[in-house]
Protein backbone atom coordinates (compact mmCIF):
# COMPACT_ATOMS: atom_id res chain seq x y z
CA UNK A 1 8.95 2.50 -6.18
CA UNK A 2 10.63 5.12 -8.27
CA UNK A 3 9.55 3.21 -11.27
CA UNK A 4 5.92 3.32 -10.37
CA UNK A 5 5.83 6.61 -9.32
CA UNK A 6 7.70 7.60 -12.97
CA UNK A 7 4.79 5.76 -14.94
CA UNK A 8 1.73 6.57 -12.79
CA UNK A 9 1.90 9.69 -10.95
CA UNK A 10 -1.59 10.44 -10.76
CA UNK A 11 -2.01 7.00 -8.80
CA UNK A 12 1.20 7.38 -6.30
CA UNK A 13 0.55 10.58 -4.95
CA UNK A 14 2.13 9.90 -1.35
CA UNK A 15 5.26 7.14 -1.22
CA UNK A 16 7.32 5.87 1.76
CA UNK A 17 10.39 4.78 0.98
CA UNK A 18 12.75 2.33 3.26
CA UNK A 19 16.09 2.57 2.51
CA UNK A 20 15.99 3.22 -1.11
CA UNK A 21 18.48 2.71 -4.04
CA UNK A 22 18.58 3.17 -7.76
CA UNK A 23 22.09 2.58 -8.49
CA UNK A 24 24.09 -0.03 -7.48
CA UNK A 25 26.99 2.18 -6.78
CA UNK A 26 24.93 3.28 -4.03
CA UNK A 27 25.82 -0.02 -1.85
CA UNK A 28 28.05 0.46 1.21
CA UNK A 29 29.60 -3.06 0.06
CA UNK A 30 29.00 -4.68 -3.49
CA UNK A 31 31.09 -7.45 -3.23
CA UNK A 32 29.45 -8.60 0.31
CA UNK A 33 26.20 -7.78 -1.22
CA UNK A 34 26.95 -10.42 -4.25
CA UNK A 35 28.31 -12.97 -1.66
CA UNK A 36 24.87 -12.96 0.11
CA UNK A 37 23.30 -13.32 -2.88
CA UNK A 38 25.19 -16.14 -3.76
CA UNK A 39 24.48 -17.97 -0.58
CA UNK A 40 20.61 -17.27 -0.98
CA UNK A 41 20.90 -18.95 -4.59
CA UNK A 42 22.73 -21.89 -2.73
CA UNK A 43 20.28 -22.02 0.21
CA UNK A 44 17.41 -22.20 -2.52
CA UNK A 45 19.28 -25.07 -4.43
CA UNK A 46 18.89 -26.72 -1.23
CA UNK A 47 15.14 -26.64 -1.42
CA UNK A 48 15.18 -23.97 1.21
CA UNK A 49 12.40 -21.05 0.70
CA UNK A 50 14.53 -18.02 -0.46
CA UNK A 51 12.60 -16.46 -3.33
CA UNK A 52 11.69 -13.40 -1.50
CA UNK A 53 14.92 -12.93 -0.27
CA UNK A 54 16.69 -13.68 -3.45
CA UNK A 55 14.26 -11.03 -5.20
CA UNK A 56 14.99 -8.35 -2.74
CA UNK A 57 18.68 -8.69 -3.05
CA UNK A 58 18.39 -8.62 -6.86
CA UNK A 59 16.50 -5.19 -6.71
CA UNK A 60 19.49 -3.74 -4.63
CA UNK A 61 22.26 -5.38 -6.97
CA UNK A 62 21.22 -3.86 -10.21
CA UNK A 63 20.40 -0.43 -11.35
CA UNK A 64 16.64 -0.37 -12.07
CA UNK A 65 16.67 2.20 -15.15
CA UNK A 66 15.80 5.40 -13.14
CA UNK A 67 17.89 8.44 -13.82
CA UNK A 68 18.53 11.58 -11.67
CA UNK A 69 16.40 13.57 -14.28
CA UNK A 70 13.43 10.83 -13.45
CA UNK A 71 14.03 11.46 -9.99
CA UNK A 72 13.61 15.18 -10.34
CA UNK A 73 10.67 14.87 -11.99
CA UNK A 74 8.73 12.97 -9.60
CA UNK A 75 5.92 15.17 -7.92
CA UNK A 76 4.66 12.88 -5.34
CA UNK A 77 5.60 13.48 -1.79
CA UNK A 78 7.71 11.03 -0.48
CA UNK A 79 8.84 10.11 2.75
CA UNK A 80 12.45 8.57 2.58
CA UNK A 81 13.49 6.70 5.68
CA UNK A 82 16.63 5.00 6.25
CA UNK A 83 19.31 3.14 8.99
CA UNK A 84 21.77 4.64 10.91
CA UNK A 85 23.75 1.42 9.64
CA UNK A 86 22.37 0.66 6.57
CA UNK A 87 23.55 -1.16 3.26
CA UNK A 88 23.34 1.76 1.36
CA UNK A 89 25.58 4.55 1.48
CA UNK A 90 24.07 7.92 3.10
CA UNK A 91 25.51 10.15 0.47
CA UNK A 92 23.20 8.03 -2.15
CA UNK A 93 20.23 8.42 0.05
CA UNK A 94 20.42 12.19 0.47
CA UNK A 95 21.46 12.44 -3.29
CA UNK A 96 17.76 11.13 -3.84
CA UNK A 97 16.18 13.02 -1.39
CA UNK A 98 17.94 16.40 -2.62
CA UNK A 99 16.82 15.52 -6.57
CA UNK A 100 13.01 14.34 -5.34
CA UNK A 101 11.73 17.81 -4.39
CA UNK A 102 8.65 16.81 -2.37
CA UNK A 103 10.46 14.26 -0.16
CA UNK A 104 11.34 13.97 3.51
CA UNK A 105 14.07 12.45 5.04
CA UNK A 106 14.18 10.72 8.37
CA UNK A 107 17.52 8.45 9.54
CA UNK A 108 16.33 5.72 11.96
CA UNK A 109 19.16 5.90 14.92
CA UNK A 110 20.21 2.46 16.21
CA UNK A 111 19.14 0.50 13.20
CA UNK A 112 19.97 -1.63 10.32
CA UNK A 113 18.85 -2.15 6.79
CA UNK A 114 17.12 -5.13 8.01
CA UNK A 115 15.55 -4.21 11.38
CA UNK A 116 14.51 -0.61 10.36
CA UNK A 117 11.04 -1.94 9.46
CA UNK A 118 10.58 -3.53 13.21
CA UNK A 119 11.62 -0.23 15.12
CA UNK A 120 8.78 1.55 16.82
CA UNK A 121 10.30 5.05 15.69
CA UNK A 122 9.84 3.71 11.91
CA UNK A 123 6.02 2.64 12.31
CA UNK A 124 5.13 6.32 14.36
CA UNK A 125 7.14 8.06 11.48
CA UNK A 126 4.80 6.14 8.79
CA UNK A 127 1.90 6.01 10.78
CA UNK A 128 1.49 9.59 12.60
CA UNK A 129 3.33 11.98 10.67
CA UNK A 130 3.15 10.88 6.85
CA UNK A 131 0.21 8.94 5.98
CA UNK A 132 -2.42 11.21 8.03
């Protein structure tokens, strides 16, 4: 999401970022993330369809090449939504919101990194207050 905004600011004028991270150090528990990644790889070797889940975990487990300065230069309106019990450190998400000048921040209570998108509050926030 940040990469697209950096490369094509004329296209991406509004962005919804759900639990975004750009540094591995933003994870609350890097060793746990690595263990889950290994489990997913094992399940894939067992012929289970894990490609999508593996791709998501791998995005969280490596720095994506975005710097603080890149975040400062994003001009898109960004809605950052994150979970009360997220896999990302709250300080990390708050730092992103601070660096991106046109960002709005919304914490979804009683949610986790994996169920946040299914929360009615999240959908209402996205549809009603941001997209319109």
